[in-house]
C-alpha atoms as a PDB file:
ATOM      1  CA  MET A   1      -0.297  -0.302  -0.016  1.00  0.00           C
ATOM      2  CA  GLU A   2       1.267   3.531  -0.570  1.00  0.00           C
ATOM      3  CA  ILE A   3       2.871   5.476   2.159  1.00  0.00           C
ATOM      4  CA  LEU A   4       1.922   9.357   2.843  1.00  0.00           C
ATOM      5  CA  GLY A   5       4.158  10.480   5.822  1.00  0.00           C
ATOM      6  CA  GLU A   6       3.823   8.005   8.532  1.00  0.00           C
ATOM      7  CA  LYS A   7       0.640   6.569   7.212  1.00  0.00           C
ATOM      8  CA  THR A   8      -0.926   4.822   4.370  1.00  0.00           C
ATOM      9  CA  VAL A   9      -3.242   6.535   1.886  1.00  0.00           C
ATOM     10  CA  ILE A  10      -6.216   4.271   2.882  1.00  0.00           C
ATOM     11  CA  ALA A  11      -5.328   5.042   6.693  1.00  0.00           C
ATOM     12  CA  THR A  12      -5.211   9.054   6.569  1.00  0.00           C
ATOM     13  CA  THR A  13      -8.166   8.897   4.524  1.00  0.00           C
ATOM     14  CA  TYR A  14     -10.209   6.988   6.897  1.00  0.00           C
ATOM     15  CA  GLN A  15      -9.059   9.214   9.802  1.00  0.00           C
ATOM     16  CA  ASN A  16      -9.449  12.449   8.326  1.00  0.00           C
ATOM     17  CA  VAL A  17     -12.957  11.471   7.351  1.00  0.00           C
ATOM     18  CA  VAL A  18     -14.328  10.658  11.443  1.00  0.00           C
ATOM     19  CA  GLU A  19     -12.373  13.861  12.309  1.00  0.00           C
ATOM     20  CA  THR A  20     -15.102  15.955  10.429  1.00  0.00           C
ATOM     21  CA  LYS A  21     -17.255  14.565  13.103  1.00  0.00           C
ATOM     22  CA  LEU A  22     -20.040  14.626  10.578  1.00  0.00           C
ATOM     23  CA  PHE A  23     -21.198  11.205   9.695  1.00  0.00           C
ATOM     24  CA  SER A  24     -22.706   8.894  12.948  1.00  0.00           C
ATOM     25  CA  GLU A  25     -20.599   5.878  11.057  1.00  0.00           C
ATOM     26  CA  VAL A  26     -17.273   5.807   8.700  1.00  0.00           C
ATOM     27  CA  LEU A  27     -16.821   2.570   7.416  1.00  0.00           C
ATOM     28  CA  VAL A  28     -13.944   1.381   4.523  1.00  0.00           C
ATOM     29  CA  ALA A  29     -15.654  -0.750   2.136  1.00  0.00           C
ATOM     30  CA  THR A  30     -13.384  -2.941   0.065  1.00  0.00           C
ATOM     31  CA  ASP A  31     -12.388  -6.250  -1.590  1.00  0.00           C
ATOM     32  CA  SER A  32      -8.940  -6.290  -0.264  1.00  0.00           C
ATOM     33  CA  GLU A  33      -7.846  -8.530   2.721  1.00  0.00           C
ATOM     34  CA  ILE A  34      -4.733  -5.838   2.690  1.00  0.00           C
ATOM     35  CA  ILE A  35      -6.856  -3.158   3.625  1.00  0.00           C
ATOM     36  CA  PHE A  36      -9.218  -4.690   5.472  1.00  0.00           C
ATOM     37  CA  ASN A  37      -6.783  -5.316   7.727  1.00  0.00           C
ATOM     38  CA  GLU A  38      -5.173  -2.107   7.651  1.00  0.00           C
ATOM     39  CA  ILE A  39      -8.387  -0.348   8.449  1.00  0.00           C
ATOM     40  CA  LYS A  40      -8.758  -3.290  11.102  1.00  0.00           C
ATOM     41  CA  SER A  41      -5.137  -2.596  12.841  1.00  0.00           C
ATOM     42  CA  ILE A  42      -5.808   1.082  13.382  1.00  0.00           C
ATOM     43  CA  GLY A  43      -9.109   0.445  15.127  1.00  0.00           C
ATOM     44  CA  GLY A  44     -11.519   1.023  12.483  1.00  0.00           C
ATOM     45  CA  SER A  45     -14.789  -0.054  10.709  1.00  0.00           C
ATOM     46  CA  VAL A  46     -13.896  -2.219   7.970  1.00  0.00           C
ATOM     47  CA  VAL A  47     -16.507  -4.247   5.665  1.00  0.00           C
ATOM     48  CA  MET A  48     -15.603  -7.125   2.614  1.00  0.00           C
ATOM     49  CA  THR A  49     -17.579  -7.075  -0.018  1.00  0.00           C
ATOM     50  CA  GLY A  50     -17.323  -8.659  -3.646  1.00  0.00           C
ATOM     51  CA  GLU A  51     -15.876  -7.599  -6.626  1.00  0.00           C
ATOM     52  CA  HIS A  52     -17.370  -4.546  -8.044  1.00  0.00           C
ATOM     53  CA  GLU A  53     -16.486  -2.409 -11.817  1.00  0.00           C
ATOM     54  CA  THR A  54     -17.578   0.555  -9.501  1.00  0.00           C
ATOM     55  CA  GLY A  55     -17.259   2.414  -5.911  1.00  0.00           C
ATOM     56  CA  SER A  56     -20.878   2.867  -6.183  1.00  0.00           C
ATOM     57  CA  ASP A  57     -21.633  -0.774  -6.765  1.00  0.00           C
ATOM     58  CA  ARG A  58     -19.297  -1.581  -4.257  1.00  0.00           C
ATOM     59  CA  ILE A  59     -20.817   1.035  -1.429  1.00  0.00           C
ATOM     60  CA  ALA A  60     -24.770  -0.309  -2.454  1.00  0.00           C
ATOM     61  CA  GLU A  61     -23.506  -3.667  -1.549  1.00  0.00           C
ATOM     62  CA  ALA A  62     -22.188  -2.259   1.931  1.00  0.00           C
ATOM     63  CA  VAL A  63     -25.371  -0.344   2.847  1.00  0.00           C
ATOM     64  CA  GLU A  64     -27.877  -2.799   1.826  1.00  0.00           C
ATOM     65  CA  ASN A  65     -28.524  -3.611   5.271  1.00  0.00           C
ATOM     66  CA  ILE A  66     -27.949  -0.137   6.925  1.00  0.00           C
ATOM     67  CA  ASP A  67     -30.723   1.972   8.082  1.00  0.00           C
ATOM     68  CA  CYS A  68     -30.142   5.339   6.462  1.00  0.00           C
ATOM     69  CA  ASP A  69     -30.910   8.166   4.000  1.00  0.00           C
ATOM     70  CA  ILE A  70     -27.633   9.479   3.211  1.00  0.00           C
ATOM     71  CA  VAL A  71     -24.595   7.761   2.249  1.00  0.00           C
ATOM     72  CA  VAL A  72     -21.415  10.085   1.925  1.00  0.00           C
ATOM     73  CA  ASN A  73     -18.673   8.159  -0.490  1.00  0.00           C
ATOM     74  CA  VAL A  74     -15.094   9.744   0.149  1.00  0.00           C
ATOM     75  CA  GLN A  75     -12.920   7.230  -1.851  1.00  0.00           C
ATOM     76  CA  GLY A  76      -9.926   5.927  -0.226  1.00  0.00           C
ATOM     77  CA  ASP A  77      -7.013   7.797  -2.572  1.00  0.00           C
ATOM     78  CA  GLU A  78      -8.801  11.429  -1.556  1.00  0.00           C
ATOM     79  CA  PRO A  79      -6.564  12.141   1.807  1.00  0.00           C
ATOM     80  CA  PHE A  80      -6.855  15.532   2.073  1.00  0.00           C
ATOM     81  CA  LEU A  81     -10.456  16.029   1.579  1.00  0.00           C
ATOM     82  CA  LYS A  82     -11.534  18.680   4.242  1.00  0.00           C
ATOM     83  CA  THR A  83     -14.745  19.142   5.930  1.00  0.00           C
ATOM     84  CA  GLU A  84     -16.311  22.000   4.555  1.00  0.00           C
ATOM     85  CA  PRO A  85     -16.968  20.544   1.004  1.00  0.00           C
ATOM     86  CA  LEU A  86     -18.807  17.647   3.054  1.00  0.00           C
ATOM     87  CA  LYS A  87     -20.826  19.530   4.853  1.00  0.00           C
ATOM     88  CA  GLU A  88     -22.076  21.363   1.548  1.00  0.00           C
ATOM     89  CA  LEU A  89     -22.578  18.289  -0.033  1.00  0.00           C
ATOM     90  CA  ILE A  90     -24.650  17.186   2.725  1.00  0.00           C
ATOM     91  CA  SER A  91     -26.561  20.189   2.567  1.00  0.00           C
ATOM     92  CA  VAL A  92     -27.951  19.885  -1.029  1.00  0.00           C
ATOM     93  CA  PHE A  93     -30.666  17.564   0.386  1.00  0.00           C
ATOM     94  CA  ASN A  94     -31.675  19.583   2.989  1.00  0.00           C
ATOM     95  CA  HIS A  95     -33.433  21.550   0.165  1.00  0.00           C
ATOM     96  CA  ASP A  96     -34.883  18.691  -1.914  1.00  0.00           C
ATOM     97  CA  ASP A  97     -38.167  18.297  -0.054  1.00  0.00           C
ATOM     98  CA  ASP A  98     -39.760  16.472  -3.568  1.00  0.00           C
ATOM     99  CA  GLU A  99     -36.446  14.700  -3.525  1.00  0.00           C
ATOM    100  CA  GLN A 100     -35.118  15.296  -6.766  1.00  0.00           C
ATOM    101  CA  ILE A 101     -31.657  14.694  -6.710  1.00  0.00           C
ATOM    102  CA  SER A 102     -30.030  11.366  -6.606  1.00  0.00           C
ATOM    103  CA  LEU A 103     -26.592  12.452  -5.691  1.00  0.00           C
ATOM    104  CA  ALA A 104     -24.262  15.638  -5.021  1.00  0.00           C
ATOM    105  CA  SER A 105     -20.949  15.824  -6.088  1.00  0.00           C
ATOM    106  CA  LEU A 106     -18.237  18.528  -6.322  1.00  0.00           C
ATOM    107  CA  LYS A 107     -16.380  20.166  -9.039  1.00  0.00           C
ATOM    108  CA  ILE A 108     -13.426  22.518  -8.857  1.00  0.00           C
ATOM    109  CA  ASN A 109     -12.316  24.927 -11.757  1.00  0.00           C
ATOM    110  CA  LEU A 110      -9.596  23.806 -14.274  1.00  0.00           C
ATOM    111  CA  LYS A 111      -6.679  26.362 -15.334  1.00  0.00           C
ATOM    112  CA  ASP A 112      -3.646  24.717 -16.320  1.00  0.00           C
ATOM    113  CA  ILE A 113      -3.902  22.903 -19.679  1.00  0.00           C
ATOM    114  CA  LYS A 114      -1.907  19.997 -18.846  1.00  0.00           C
ATOM    115  CA  GLU A 115      -4.604  19.063 -16.726  1.00  0.00           C
ATOM    116  CA  ILE A 116      -7.674  20.026 -18.604  1.00  0.00           C
ATOM    117  CA  ASP A 117      -6.102  18.291 -21.389  1.00  0.00           C
ATOM    118  CA  ASN A 118      -5.048  15.154 -18.722  1.00  0.00           C
ATOM    119  CA  PRO A 119      -7.663  12.159 -19.339  1.00  0.00           C
ATOM    120  CA  ASN A 120      -7.060  11.012 -16.018  1.00  0.00           C
ATOM    121  CA  ASN A 121      -9.193  14.423 -14.848  1.00  0.00           C
ATOM    122  CA  VAL A 122     -12.518  13.504 -15.589  1.00  0.00           C
ATOM    123  CA  LYS A 123     -14.442  17.000 -16.471  1.00  0.00           C
ATOM    124  CA  VAL A 124     -17.928  18.016 -15.851  1.00  0.00           C
ATOM    125  CA  ILE A 125     -20.352  20.666 -17.488  1.00  0.00           C
ATOM    126  CA  THR A 126     -23.437  21.963 -15.721  1.00  0.00           C
ATOM    127  CA  ASP A 127     -26.498  23.153 -16.956  1.00  0.00           C
ATOM    128  CA  ASN A 128     -27.872  26.491 -14.663  1.00  0.00           C
ATOM    129  CA  GLN A 129     -29.056  24.847 -12.257  1.00  0.00           C
ATOM    130  CA  GLY A 130     -26.063  23.060 -11.204  1.00  0.00           C
ATOM    131  CA  PHE A 131     -27.038  19.571 -12.106  1.00  0.00           C
ATOM    132  CA  ALA A 132     -24.593  17.711 -14.520  1.00  0.00           C
ATOM    133  CA  LEU A 133     -24.876  17.155 -18.156  1.00  0.00           C
ATOM    134  CA  TYR A 134     -21.925  14.902 -19.225  1.00  0.00           C
ATOM    135  CA  PHE A 135     -18.496  13.512 -17.535  1.00  0.00           C
ATOM    136  CA  SER A 136     -15.917  12.697 -20.070  1.00  0.00           C
ATOM    137  CA  ARG A 137     -12.201  12.302 -20.011  1.00  0.00           C
ATOM    138  CA  SER A 138     -11.752  14.309 -22.935  1.00  0.00           C
ATOM    139  CA  THR A 139     -12.112  18.390 -22.876  1.00  0.00           C
ATOM    140  CA  ILE A 140     -15.023  19.314 -22.598  1.00  0.00           C
ATOM    141  CA  PRO A 141     -16.734  21.653 -23.302  1.00  0.00           C
ATOM    142  CA  PHE A 142     -14.668  21.725 -26.865  1.00  0.00           C
ATOM    143  CA  SER A 143     -13.444  25.777 -26.918  1.00  0.00           C
ATOM    144  CA  ARG A 144     -14.303  26.636 -30.869  1.00  0.00           C
ATOM    145  CA  GLU A 145     -14.825  29.792 -30.065  1.00  0.00           C
ATOM    146  CA  THR A 146     -11.849  31.482 -28.816  1.00  0.00           C
ATOM    147  CA  LYS A 147     -13.278  35.172 -28.418  1.00  0.00           C
ATOM    148  CA  ILE A 148     -14.983  33.871 -25.371  1.00  0.00           C
ATOM    149  CA  GLU A 149     -13.504  32.439 -22.225  1.00  0.00           C
ATOM    150  CA  THR A 150     -14.775  29.126 -21.781  1.00  0.00           C
ATOM    151  CA  LYS A 151     -14.465  27.183 -17.965  1.00  0.00           C
ATOM    152  CA  TYR A 152     -13.443  24.027 -17.100  1.00  0.00           C
ATOM    153  CA  PHE A 153     -14.371  21.898 -14.383  1.00  0.00           C
ATOM    154  CA  LYS A 154     -12.799  18.585 -12.687  1.00  0.00           C
ATOM    155  CA  HIS A 155     -15.003  16.306 -11.012  1.00  0.00           C
ATOM    156  CA  ILE A 156     -14.037  15.512  -7.694  1.00  0.00           C
ATOM    157  CA  GLY A 157     -14.746  11.624  -7.086  1.00  0.00           C
ATOM    158  CA  VAL A 158     -16.619  12.397  -3.331  1.00  0.00           C
ATOM    159  CA  TYR A 159     -20.256  11.989  -3.471  1.00  0.00           C
ATOM    160  CA  ALA A 160     -23.165  12.455  -1.190  1.00  0.00           C
ATOM    161  CA  PHE A 161     -26.167   9.685  -2.568  1.00  0.00           C
ATOM    162  CA  ARG A 162     -29.829   9.246  -1.395  1.00  0.00           C
ATOM    163  CA  ARG A 163     -29.545   5.524  -0.158  1.00  0.00           C
ATOM    164  CA  LYS A 164     -32.540   4.471  -2.461  1.00  0.00           C
ATOM    165  CA  ALA A 165     -30.874   5.743  -5.348  1.00  0.00           C
ATOM    166  CA  LEU A 166     -27.828   4.486  -4.829  1.00  0.00           C
ATOM    167  CA  LEU A 167     -29.070   0.528  -4.438  1.00  0.00           C
ATOM    168  CA  ASN A 168     -31.149   1.612  -7.486  1.00  0.00           C
ATOM    169  CA  PHE A 169     -27.770   2.510  -9.316  1.00  0.00           C
ATOM    170  CA  ALA A 170     -26.714  -1.268  -8.023  1.00  0.00           C
ATOM    171  CA  ARG A 171     -29.196  -2.889  -9.931  1.00  0.00           C
ATOM    172  CA  LEU A 172     -29.051  -1.037 -13.389  1.00  0.00           C
ATOM    173  CA  GLN A 173     -27.171  -2.455 -16.473  1.00  0.00           C
ATOM    174  CA  MET A 174     -23.818  -0.602 -17.696  1.00  0.00           C
ATOM    175  CA  LYS A 175     -24.643   1.386 -21.051  1.00  0.00           C
ATOM    176  CA  PRO A 176     -22.018   2.207 -23.866  1.00  0.00           C
ATOM    177  CA  LEU A 177     -21.325   5.764 -22.318  1.00  0.00           C
ATOM    178  CA  GLU A 178     -20.315   4.542 -18.581  1.00  0.00           C
ATOM    179  CA  ILE A 179     -18.567   1.953 -20.625  1.00  0.00           C
ATOM    180  CA  ALA A 180     -16.613   4.071 -22.794  1.00  0.00           C
ATOM    181  CA  GLU A 181     -15.433   6.469 -20.467  1.00  0.00           C
ATOM    182  CA  LYS A 182     -15.091   4.498 -17.218  1.00  0.00           C
ATOM    183  CA  ILE A 183     -16.723   6.832 -15.425  1.00  0.00           C
ATOM    184  CA  GLU A 184     -19.548   5.382 -12.944  1.00  0.00           C
ATOM    185  CA  CYS A 185     -21.836   8.341 -12.603  1.00  0.00           C
ATOM    186  CA  ILE A 186     -22.591   8.669 -16.412  1.00  0.00           C
ATOM    187  CA  ARG A 187     -24.945   5.741 -15.434  1.00  0.00           C
ATOM    188  CA  TYR A 188     -26.946   7.557 -13.313  1.00  0.00           C
ATOM    189  CA  LEU A 189     -27.199  10.351 -16.276  1.00  0.00           C
ATOM    190  CA  GLU A 190     -28.464   7.781 -18.767  1.00  0.00           C
ATOM    191  CA  TYR A 191     -30.933   6.580 -16.586  1.00  0.00           C
ATOM    192  CA  GLY A 192     -32.238   9.869 -16.323  1.00  0.00           C
ATOM    193  CA  MET A 193     -31.003  10.438 -12.530  1.00  0.00           C
ATOM    194  CA  LYS A 194     -30.212  14.076 -10.983  1.00  0.00           C
ATOM    195  CA  ILE A 195     -26.311  14.879 -10.175  1.00  0.00           C
ATOM    196  CA  LYS A 196     -25.566  18.141  -8.361  1.00  0.00           C
ATOM    197  CA  MET A 197     -22.809  19.397  -8.785  1.00  0.00           C
ATOM    198  CA  ILE A 198     -21.015  22.152  -6.120  1.00  0.00           C
ATOM    199  CA  GLU A 199     -18.059  24.452  -6.753  1.00  0.00           C
ATOM    200  CA  THR A 200     -15.562  24.387  -4.378  1.00  0.00           C
ATOM    201  CA  ASP A 201     -12.107  25.489  -4.056  1.00  0.00           C
ATOM    202  CA  PHE A 202     -10.610  22.103  -1.917  1.00  0.00           C
ATOM    203  CA  VAL A 203      -7.108  21.894  -3.462  1.00  0.00           C
ATOM    204  CA  GLY A 204      -6.097  18.233  -2.977  1.00  0.00           C
ATOM    205  CA  VAL A 205      -5.023  15.017  -4.880  1.00  0.00           C
ATOM    206  CA  GLY A 206      -6.653  12.002  -5.572  1.00  0.00           C
ATOM    207  CA  ILE A 207      -3.894   9.293  -5.848  1.00  0.00           C
ATOM    208  CA  ASP A 208      -4.650   7.669  -9.514  1.00  0.00           C
ATOM    209  CA  VAL A 209      -1.019   6.742 -10.725  1.00  0.00           C
ATOM    210  CA  PRO A 210       2.242   7.155  -9.348  1.00  0.00           C
ATOM    211  CA  GLU A 211       2.674  10.776 -10.322  1.00  0.00           C
ATOM    212  CA  ASP A 212      -0.643  11.606  -8.038  1.00  0.00           C
ATOM    213  CA  LEU A 213       1.724  10.263  -4.925  1.00  0.00           C
ATOM    214  CA  GLU A 214       4.508  12.395  -5.601  1.00  0.00           C
ATOM    215  CA  LYS A 215       2.240  15.212  -5.245  1.00  0.00           C
ATOM    216  CA  ALA A 216       0.785  14.538  -2.369  1.00  0.00           C
ATOM    217  CA  ARG A 217       3.864  13.754  -0.785  1.00  0.00           C
ATOM    218  CA  MET A 218       4.499  17.017  -1.808  1.00  0.00           C
ATOM    219  CA  LEU A 219       1.446  18.619  -0.475  1.00  0.00           C
ATOM    220  CA  LEU A 220       2.042  16.591   2.680  1.00  0.00           C
ATOM    221  CA  LYS A 221       5.007  18.172   3.384  1.00  0.00           C
ATOM    222  CA  ASP A 222       3.826  22.107   2.528  1.00  0.00           C
ATOM    223  CA  THR A 223       1.446  21.660   4.880  1.00  0.00           C
ATOM    224  CA  GLU A 224       3.555  20.487   7.298  1.00  0.00           C
ATOM    225  CA  ILE A 225       6.096  23.524   7.220  1.00  0.00           C
END
């Protein structure tokens, strides 16, 4: 497992989420015995699941027998996530009396052209009310009209779900767009569910490739100075 400072990435992420004190229960869902044993070793709560194509499918299995309304998914490779963005995600559902929103997620403005073009950064475009229209590893929108400033937003893989929407998701068959892009939240859109996107200025590092781990170590070093 990747080491960040003196702890593993997954242990750092877990403990940071617990320390927000926002949740009645924090649970790691995994199909890895290594991760299972790591969380157990630090006294954390963890559940072993079967193998799944997506994180949403895995979490749906983990919460199937848990009585709750809202489920927040912080991916294990997001060790720097702070309390305020999580609060904003949860608050979305406080103003959704008709339960139109299936899930909420985060986006951040991208300005570096290398980051915009990087297929490891999932980009998102939204309508005027902040609901997701599409997610892609390609650069979207395509800026054909160069006289107008185009904004690009990176999707940060942190979700807040309605439990019933999450369980419904796990019963739905993958469609071609999700398969092509390898982006799970496209499945929600393909089946007509609404995703509310919250813009944040949160700057962290999602650790997807070895280069990200080096960025995370540099960020950790800077925060310790």
